[in-house]
Structures are given as structure tokens and as C-alpha cells.
Amino acid sequence: MGLLCCHRCNAVWSQAQEGERCGRCGAALRARKPHSIERTWALLIAAALMYLPANLLPVMITKSLFGTQQDTILSGVIFFWVSGSYGLAALIFTASFLVPLFKLAALFVLVAMAQRGSAWRLRERARLYHLLEFIGRWSMLDVFVVALLAGLVQIQGFAVVQAGVGIAAFGAVVVLTMLASLSFDPRLTWDGPQPAAPALAPLATMPAARPPTND
């Protein structure tokens, strides 16, 4: 349609050319985010690598008169479940374990399908991207809880709460998945497969010239 949208101020320009400057903010106009697939893959792989230490390493270390206790995300879920706090256990399990895993799987599907130019369930994939944008803001629940407890529970000689290494890995997973979602251009979903270049037909073989004969 000859329209280009500025990625910075969202102004839409008619009959604009690729690389021209936006008349409102001066940003370069692009029909698609440059190197969107490559950047999203890099951030997605980094987030997947950080997902394991985020769940295996302790996120909170509690020191008290009774000793030192190190808790991971899943051990905290088990503790609340055994103690009867089923709602809190389900909330932490969903927000801290299932949501990051869902975001990684959904981004993998979106990027892989866009790279292949697949036309499979285009509307559902567009809705899936908007769902990722919506739930991304709720992924920092564990970080907020640990930061709050570490700031409040600092009674020297009785109880001290410290953040573990796992919370840094968990925060890295959240930030990397958010950056991967931002770097992915959802318009690539609707582009479809790129038309292949037409094959060159072989040149017709000319018949060999016959030597002149003396008739």
C-alpha cells in the first residue's frame, strides 16, 4: 500500500521509501526490523541456557539460629504445597516456572515459523505474540519477593535473608525473553514464503553448421 510506520514514534507515512527519515522524529524508516530473526534467535538461545541454572540454583538463602537454608524455585513451591498454601504454591509455580517455559516455547514456534515463511495458523500466531506481550510484565514475581524479603528480614544474630545466584539467572531469563519478544518483528508472520527465483532455462542447442559442398 506504500505505507511505512516509524518504529520510534509510530507515525505512518505514505509513499515513503526504505531508509528515508521520519518527518516527526528523524528515525530511519524500515518496512521490517533489520536482522530481526538473527537477533531473536541469539536472545532466545541465551535465555534457554539460563533457564536451567535459574531453576537448579538457590534463589534465596535464609540464615537463622537454626542454620542456613537454601531454597530454589521448585523447593519453595513444594514447601508451600506441603504446608497447605495451595493457592500460593500454584501462583509461584505458574509465574516462575510455567510462564518462562511457555514464553521460550512460544517464541521458538513464532521465530521458526516466520523464518520458514509458513502460512500455518497465521491468526493464532499473531494472537500468541500479543499474549506474550501481555504476560511478560508478570514474569518478575520471584525477583520482587526475594528483593522484598532481603530488604525486610535483616535481623542480625536471628535471621538474615539473602538473594542467591539462581535469582540472577532467573532475572536474566526474564530480561532476555522480553528482549527477544521486542526484537521479533510480528509482521514477518504475514510475509509468507519468499518467491523463489525462476530457474534459467538452458539455451537451445544450435545445429552445427554444415560444411559447404560442391554440387
C-alpha atoms as a PDB file:
ATOM      1  CA  MET A   1       0.000   0.000   0.000  1.00  0.00           C
ATOM      2  CA  GLY A   2       3.033   2.295   0.009  1.00  0.00           C
ATOM      3  CA  LEU A   3       2.859   2.923   3.774  1.00  0.00           C
ATOM      4  CA  LEU A   4       5.747   2.835   6.218  1.00  0.00           C
ATOM      5  CA  CYS A   5       5.375   3.083  10.002  1.00  0.00           C
ATOM      6  CA  CYS A   6       8.099   4.659  12.125  1.00  0.00           C
ATOM      7  CA  HIS A   7       9.269   2.202  14.790  1.00  0.00           C
ATOM      8  CA  ARG A   8      10.068   5.057  17.210  1.00  0.00           C
ATOM      9  CA  CYS A   9       7.041   7.379  17.151  1.00  0.00           C
ATOM     10  CA  ASN A  10       4.540   5.155  15.237  1.00  0.00           C
ATOM     11  CA  ALA A  11       3.860   7.830  12.610  1.00  0.00           C
ATOM     12  CA  VAL A  12       2.620   6.354   9.305  1.00  0.00           C
ATOM     13  CA  TRP A  13       3.979   7.837   6.104  1.00  0.00           C
ATOM     14  CA  SER A  14       2.555   7.401   2.633  1.00  0.00           C
ATOM     15  CA  GLN A  15       4.722   6.748  -0.414  1.00  0.00           C
ATOM     16  CA  ALA A  16       7.850   6.673   1.770  1.00  0.00           C
ATOM     17  CA  GLN A  17      10.963   4.837   0.692  1.00  0.00           C
ATOM     18  CA  GLU A  18      13.049   2.421   2.714  1.00  0.00           C
ATOM     19  CA  GLY A  19      15.774   4.288   4.603  1.00  0.00           C
ATOM     20  CA  GLU A  20      14.151   7.716   4.495  1.00  0.00           C
ATOM     21  CA  ARG A  21      13.968   9.776   7.690  1.00  0.00           C
ATOM     22  CA  CYS A  22      10.773  10.170   9.663  1.00  0.00           C
ATOM     23  CA  GLY A  23       9.437  13.717   9.380  1.00  0.00           C
ATOM     24  CA  ARG A  24       8.434  13.724  13.048  1.00  0.00           C
ATOM     25  CA  CYS A  25      11.339  12.182  14.988  1.00  0.00           C
ATOM     26  CA  GLY A  26      14.059  11.721  12.353  1.00  0.00           C
ATOM     27  CA  ALA A  27      14.402   7.935  12.721  1.00  0.00           C
ATOM     28  CA  ALA A  28      15.148   5.810   9.675  1.00  0.00           C
ATOM     29  CA  LEU A  29      12.014   4.236   8.208  1.00  0.00           C
ATOM     30  CA  ARG A  30      12.101   0.471   7.806  1.00  0.00           C
ATOM     31  CA  ALA A  31       9.444  -1.845   6.440  1.00  0.00           C
ATOM     32  CA  ARG A  32      10.708  -4.588   8.776  1.00  0.00           C
ATOM     33  CA  LYS A  33      13.054  -4.614  11.754  1.00  0.00           C
ATOM     34  CA  PRO A  34      16.591  -5.237  10.427  1.00  0.00           C
ATOM     35  CA  HIS A  35      18.074  -8.622  11.370  1.00  0.00           C
ATOM     36  CA  SER A  36      15.010  -9.459  13.450  1.00  0.00           C
ATOM     37  CA  ILE A  37      15.294 -13.244  13.073  1.00  0.00           C
ATOM     38  CA  GLU A  38      19.008 -13.371  13.895  1.00  0.00           C
ATOM     39  CA  ARG A  39      18.716 -11.155  16.987  1.00  0.00           C
ATOM     40  CA  THR A  40      15.690 -13.033  18.291  1.00  0.00           C
ATOM     41  CA  TRP A  41      17.434 -16.395  17.876  1.00  0.00           C
ATOM     42  CA  ALA A  42      20.507 -15.155  19.766  1.00  0.00           C
ATOM     43  CA  LEU A  43      18.451 -13.798  22.688  1.00  0.00           C
ATOM     44  CA  LEU A  44      16.220 -16.866  22.736  1.00  0.00           C
ATOM     45  CA  ILE A  45      19.150 -19.307  22.894  1.00  0.00           C
ATOM     46  CA  ALA A  46      20.772 -17.269  25.676  1.00  0.00           C
ATOM     47  CA  ALA A  47      17.506 -17.302  27.660  1.00  0.00           C
ATOM     48  CA  ALA A  48      17.174 -21.070  27.211  1.00  0.00           C
ATOM     49  CA  LEU A  49      20.721 -21.580  28.507  1.00  0.00           C
ATOM     50  CA  MET A  50      19.968 -19.508  31.609  1.00  0.00           C
ATOM     51  CA  TYR A  51      16.704 -21.337  32.304  1.00  0.00           C
ATOM     52  CA  LEU A  52      18.400 -24.406  33.825  1.00  0.00           C
ATOM     53  CA  PRO A  53      20.540 -22.589  36.439  1.00  0.00           C
ATOM     54  CA  ALA A  54      17.533 -20.398  37.249  1.00  0.00           C
ATOM     55  CA  ASN A  55      15.645 -23.485  38.401  1.00  0.00           C
ATOM     56  CA  LEU A  56      18.532 -25.549  39.819  1.00  0.00           C
ATOM     57  CA  LEU A  57      20.477 -22.926  41.784  1.00  0.00           C
ATOM     58  CA  PRO A  58      19.154 -21.400  45.048  1.00  0.00           C
ATOM     59  CA  VAL A  59      17.209 -18.176  44.658  1.00  0.00           C
ATOM     60  CA  MET A  60      17.038 -17.359  48.381  1.00  0.00           C
ATOM     61  CA  ILE A  61      19.385 -18.124  51.285  1.00  0.00           C
ATOM     62  CA  THR A  62      17.989 -17.865  54.807  1.00  0.00           C
ATOM     63  CA  LYS A  63      20.374 -17.740  57.768  1.00  0.00           C
ATOM     64  CA  SER A  64      18.890 -18.099  61.254  1.00  0.00           C
ATOM     65  CA  LEU A  65      19.624 -19.572  64.681  1.00  0.00           C
ATOM     66  CA  PHE A  66      18.583 -22.958  63.336  1.00  0.00           C
ATOM     67  CA  GLY A  67      21.113 -22.967  60.482  1.00  0.00           C
ATOM     68  CA  THR A  68      21.267 -21.997  56.834  1.00  0.00           C
ATOM     69  CA  GLN A  69      18.595 -22.929  54.324  1.00  0.00           C
ATOM     70  CA  GLN A  70      18.889 -22.606  50.565  1.00  0.00           C
ATOM     71  CA  ASP A  71      15.687 -22.579  48.519  1.00  0.00           C
ATOM     72  CA  THR A  72      15.186 -22.985  44.798  1.00  0.00           C
ATOM     73  CA  ILE A  73      12.006 -22.071  42.961  1.00  0.00           C
ATOM     74  CA  LEU A  74      10.677 -25.628  42.979  1.00  0.00           C
ATOM     75  CA  SER A  75      11.624 -26.248  46.620  1.00  0.00           C
ATOM     76  CA  GLY A  76       9.643 -23.130  47.542  1.00  0.00           C
ATOM     77  CA  VAL A  77       6.661 -24.446  45.592  1.00  0.00           C
ATOM     78  CA  ILE A  78       6.908 -27.798  47.403  1.00  0.00           C
ATOM     79  CA  PHE A  79       7.175 -26.074  50.788  1.00  0.00           C
ATOM     80  CA  PHE A  80       4.029 -24.006  50.282  1.00  0.00           C
ATOM     81  CA  TRP A  81       2.151 -27.019  48.888  1.00  0.00           C
ATOM     82  CA  VAL A  82       3.050 -29.262  51.830  1.00  0.00           C
ATOM     83  CA  SER A  83       2.212 -26.508  54.328  1.00  0.00           C
ATOM     84  CA  GLY A  84      -1.288 -26.192  52.852  1.00  0.00           C
ATOM     85  CA  SER A  85      -0.875 -22.924  50.921  1.00  0.00           C
ATOM     86  CA  TYR A  86      -2.073 -24.432  47.659  1.00  0.00           C
ATOM     87  CA  GLY A  87      -3.016 -21.134  46.028  1.00  0.00           C
ATOM     88  CA  LEU A  88       0.364 -19.536  46.728  1.00  0.00           C
ATOM     89  CA  ALA A  89       2.178 -22.661  45.552  1.00  0.00           C
ATOM     90  CA  ALA A  90       0.165 -22.693  42.321  1.00  0.00           C
ATOM     91  CA  LEU A  91       0.818 -18.968  41.792  1.00  0.00           C
ATOM     92  CA  ILE A  92       4.593 -19.300  42.214  1.00  0.00           C
ATOM     93  CA  PHE A  93       4.722 -22.448  40.068  1.00  0.00           C
ATOM     94  CA  THR A  94       2.774 -20.748  37.276  1.00  0.00           C
ATOM     95  CA  ALA A  95       4.530 -17.379  37.339  1.00  0.00           C
ATOM     96  CA  SER A  96       8.068 -18.641  37.981  1.00  0.00           C
ATOM     97  CA  PHE A  97       8.199 -21.991  36.177  1.00  0.00           C
ATOM     98  CA  LEU A  98       5.430 -22.375  33.608  1.00  0.00           C
ATOM     99  CA  VAL A  99       5.327 -18.803  32.272  1.00  0.00           C
ATOM    100  CA  PRO A 100       9.065 -18.582  31.374  1.00  0.00           C
ATOM    101  CA  LEU A 101       8.895 -22.061  29.831  1.00  0.00           C
ATOM    102  CA  PHE A 102       5.785 -21.089  27.864  1.00  0.00           C
ATOM    103  CA  LYS A 103       7.467 -17.904  26.616  1.00  0.00           C
ATOM    104  CA  LEU A 104      10.532 -19.830  25.441  1.00  0.00           C
ATOM    105  CA  ALA A 105       8.417 -22.414  23.598  1.00  0.00           C
ATOM    106  CA  ALA A 106       6.084 -19.818  22.068  1.00  0.00           C
ATOM    107  CA  LEU A 107       8.952 -17.620  20.851  1.00  0.00           C
ATOM    108  CA  PHE A 108      10.656 -20.680  19.365  1.00  0.00           C
ATOM    109  CA  VAL A 109       7.498 -21.512  17.397  1.00  0.00           C
ATOM    110  CA  LEU A 110       6.995 -17.926  16.210  1.00  0.00           C
ATOM    111  CA  VAL A 111      10.592 -17.441  15.066  1.00  0.00           C
ATOM    112  CA  ALA A 112      10.876 -20.858  13.427  1.00  0.00           C
ATOM    113  CA  MET A 113       7.593 -20.453  11.521  1.00  0.00           C
ATOM    114  CA  ALA A 114       8.474 -16.898  10.431  1.00  0.00           C
ATOM    115  CA  GLN A 115      11.908 -17.993   9.229  1.00  0.00           C
ATOM    116  CA  ARG A 116      10.375 -20.792   7.171  1.00  0.00           C
ATOM    117  CA  GLY A 117       7.690 -18.487   5.764  1.00  0.00           C
ATOM    118  CA  SER A 118       4.994 -20.881   6.942  1.00  0.00           C
ATOM    119  CA  ALA A 119       1.319 -19.997   6.452  1.00  0.00           C
ATOM    120  CA  TRP A 120       0.228 -22.291   9.308  1.00  0.00           C
ATOM    121  CA  ARG A 121      -2.367 -20.657  11.622  1.00  0.00           C
ATOM    122  CA  LEU A 122      -1.425 -17.054  10.951  1.00  0.00           C
ATOM    123  CA  ARG A 123      -4.139 -15.503  13.128  1.00  0.00           C
ATOM    124  CA  GLU A 124      -3.394 -17.805  16.063  1.00  0.00           C
ATOM    125  CA  ARG A 125       0.313 -16.972  15.862  1.00  0.00           C
ATOM    126  CA  ALA A 126      -0.476 -13.243  15.858  1.00  0.00           C
ATOM    127  CA  ARG A 127      -2.650 -13.694  18.962  1.00  0.00           C
ATOM    128  CA  LEU A 128       0.100 -15.746  20.572  1.00  0.00           C
ATOM    129  CA  TYR A 129       2.531 -12.861  20.126  1.00  0.00           C
ATOM    130  CA  HIS A 130       0.107 -10.406  21.756  1.00  0.00           C
ATOM    131  CA  LEU A 131      -0.343 -12.882  24.626  1.00  0.00           C
ATOM    132  CA  LEU A 132       3.427 -12.945  25.143  1.00  0.00           C
ATOM    133  CA  GLU A 133       3.467  -9.157  25.286  1.00  0.00           C
ATOM    134  CA  PHE A 134       0.712  -9.209  27.929  1.00  0.00           C
ATOM    135  CA  ILE A 135       2.172 -11.822  30.289  1.00  0.00           C
ATOM    136  CA  GLY A 136       5.729 -10.508  30.061  1.00  0.00           C
ATOM    137  CA  ARG A 137       5.096  -7.919  32.771  1.00  0.00           C
ATOM    138  CA  TRP A 138       4.128 -10.637  35.296  1.00  0.00           C
ATOM    139  CA  SER A 139       7.347 -12.636  34.999  1.00  0.00           C
ATOM    140  CA  MET A 140       9.310 -10.896  37.769  1.00  0.00           C
ATOM    141  CA  LEU A 141       7.284 -12.192  40.733  1.00  0.00           C
ATOM    142  CA  ASP A 142      10.134 -14.156  42.299  1.00  0.00           C
ATOM    143  CA  VAL A 143      12.570 -11.281  41.887  1.00  0.00           C
ATOM    144  CA  PHE A 144      10.213  -8.889  43.651  1.00  0.00           C
ATOM    145  CA  VAL A 145       9.541 -11.330  46.509  1.00  0.00           C
ATOM    146  CA  VAL A 146      13.228 -12.065  47.145  1.00  0.00           C
ATOM    147  CA  ALA A 147      14.161  -8.386  46.942  1.00  0.00           C
ATOM    148  CA  LEU A 148      11.382  -7.519  49.409  1.00  0.00           C
ATOM    149  CA  LEU A 149      12.371 -10.220  51.891  1.00  0.00           C
ATOM    150  CA  ALA A 150      16.075  -9.381  51.633  1.00  0.00           C
ATOM    151  CA  GLY A 151      15.253  -5.763  52.464  1.00  0.00           C
ATOM    152  CA  LEU A 152      12.876  -6.506  55.343  1.00  0.00           C
ATOM    153  CA  VAL A 153      14.369  -9.556  57.063  1.00  0.00           C
ATOM    154  CA  GLN A 154      17.773  -8.327  58.209  1.00  0.00           C
ATOM    155  CA  ILE A 155      17.832  -9.104  61.945  1.00  0.00           C
ATOM    156  CA  GLN A 156      21.476  -9.684  62.793  1.00  0.00           C
ATOM    157  CA  GLY A 157      22.001 -12.707  65.016  1.00  0.00           C
ATOM    158  CA  PHE A 158      18.465 -14.005  64.455  1.00  0.00           C
ATOM    159  CA  ALA A 159      17.518 -14.156  60.768  1.00  0.00           C
ATOM    160  CA  VAL A 160      19.021 -12.842  57.551  1.00  0.00           C
ATOM    161  CA  VAL A 161      17.625 -13.353  54.037  1.00  0.00           C
ATOM    162  CA  GLN A 162      19.974 -13.056  51.064  1.00  0.00           C
ATOM    163  CA  ALA A 163      19.423 -13.412  47.338  1.00  0.00           C
ATOM    164  CA  GLY A 164      21.019 -16.471  45.778  1.00  0.00           C
ATOM    165  CA  VAL A 165      22.720 -16.961  42.438  1.00  0.00           C
ATOM    166  CA  GLY A 166      19.576 -18.514  40.982  1.00  0.00           C
ATOM    167  CA  ILE A 167      17.628 -15.262  41.229  1.00  0.00           C
ATOM    168  CA  ALA A 168      20.191 -13.546  38.998  1.00  0.00           C
ATOM    169  CA  ALA A 169      19.826 -16.334  36.424  1.00  0.00           C
ATOM    170  CA  PHE A 170      16.035 -16.101  36.695  1.00  0.00           C
ATOM    171  CA  GLY A 171      16.160 -12.340  36.176  1.00  0.00           C
ATOM    172  CA  ALA A 172      18.394 -12.899  33.148  1.00  0.00           C
ATOM    173  CA  VAL A 173      15.817 -15.318  31.685  1.00  0.00           C
ATOM    174  CA  VAL A 174      13.043 -12.765  32.136  1.00  0.00           C
ATOM    175  CA  VAL A 175      15.046  -9.897  30.622  1.00  0.00           C
ATOM    176  CA  LEU A 176      16.330 -11.980  27.699  1.00  0.00           C
ATOM    177  CA  THR A 177      12.858 -13.270  26.811  1.00  0.00           C
ATOM    178  CA  MET A 178      11.475  -9.741  26.956  1.00  0.00           C
ATOM    179  CA  LEU A 179      14.260  -8.505  24.662  1.00  0.00           C
ATOM    180  CA  ALA A 180      13.664 -11.448  22.318  1.00  0.00           C
ATOM    181  CA  SER A 181       9.972 -10.586  22.153  1.00  0.00           C
ATOM    182  CA  LEU A 182      10.809  -6.941  21.404  1.00  0.00           C
ATOM    183  CA  SER A 183      13.379  -7.802  18.729  1.00  0.00           C
ATOM    184  CA  PHE A 184      10.975 -10.122  16.899  1.00  0.00           C
ATOM    185  CA  ASP A 185       9.001  -8.390  14.176  1.00  0.00           C
ATOM    186  CA  PRO A 186       5.465  -9.879  14.186  1.00  0.00           C
ATOM    187  CA  ARG A 187       4.883  -8.583  10.652  1.00  0.00           C
ATOM    188  CA  LEU A 188       7.242 -11.300   9.430  1.00  0.00           C
ATOM    189  CA  THR A 189       4.469 -13.775  10.260  1.00  0.00           C
ATOM    190  CA  TRP A 190       2.316 -12.357   7.471  1.00  0.00           C
ATOM    191  CA  ASP A 191       5.046 -12.088   4.845  1.00  0.00           C
ATOM    192  CA  GLY A 192       4.836 -15.735   3.868  1.00  0.00           C
ATOM    193  CA  PRO A 193       7.386 -17.621   1.825  1.00  0.00           C
ATOM    194  CA  GLN A 194       9.601 -15.613  -0.437  1.00  0.00           C
ATOM    195  CA  PRO A 195       9.117 -16.420  -4.103  1.00  0.00           C
ATOM    196  CA  ALA A 196      11.936 -18.460  -5.490  1.00  0.00           C
ATOM    197  CA  ALA A 197      13.995 -17.095  -8.316  1.00  0.00           C
ATOM    198  CA  PRO A 198      12.920 -18.560 -11.653  1.00  0.00           C
ATOM    199  CA  ALA A 199      15.214 -21.231 -12.948  1.00  0.00           C
ATOM    200  CA  LEU A 200      17.206 -20.350 -16.021  1.00  0.00           C
ATOM    201  CA  ALA A 201      16.192 -22.411 -18.993  1.00  0.00           C
ATOM    202  CA  PRO A 202      19.061 -23.922 -20.939  1.00  0.00           C
ATOM    203  CA  LEU A 203      19.846 -22.272 -24.221  1.00  0.00           C
ATOM    204  CA  ALA A 204      18.631 -24.124 -27.259  1.00  0.00           C
ATOM    205  CA  THR A 205      21.404 -26.011 -28.975  1.00  0.00           C
ATOM    206  CA  MET A 206      22.010 -24.607 -32.380  1.00  0.00           C
ATOM    207  CA  PRO A 207      22.610 -27.169 -35.070  1.00  0.00           C
ATOM    208  CA  ALA A 208      26.186 -27.391 -36.176  1.00  0.00           C
ATOM    209  CA  ALA A 209      26.994 -25.611 -39.398  1.00  0.00           C
ATOM    210  CA  ARG A 210      27.367 -27.987 -42.289  1.00  0.00           C
ATOM    211  CA  PRO A 211      30.425 -27.519 -44.432  1.00  0.00           C
ATOM    212  CA  PRO A 212      29.693 -26.265 -47.928  1.00  0.00           C
ATOM    213  CA  THR A 213      29.563 -28.901 -50.562  1.00  0.00           C
ATOM    214  CA  ASN A 214      30.456 -28.601 -54.219  1.00  0.00           C
ATOM    215  CA  ASP A 215      27.372 -29.632 -56.125  1.00  0.00           C
END
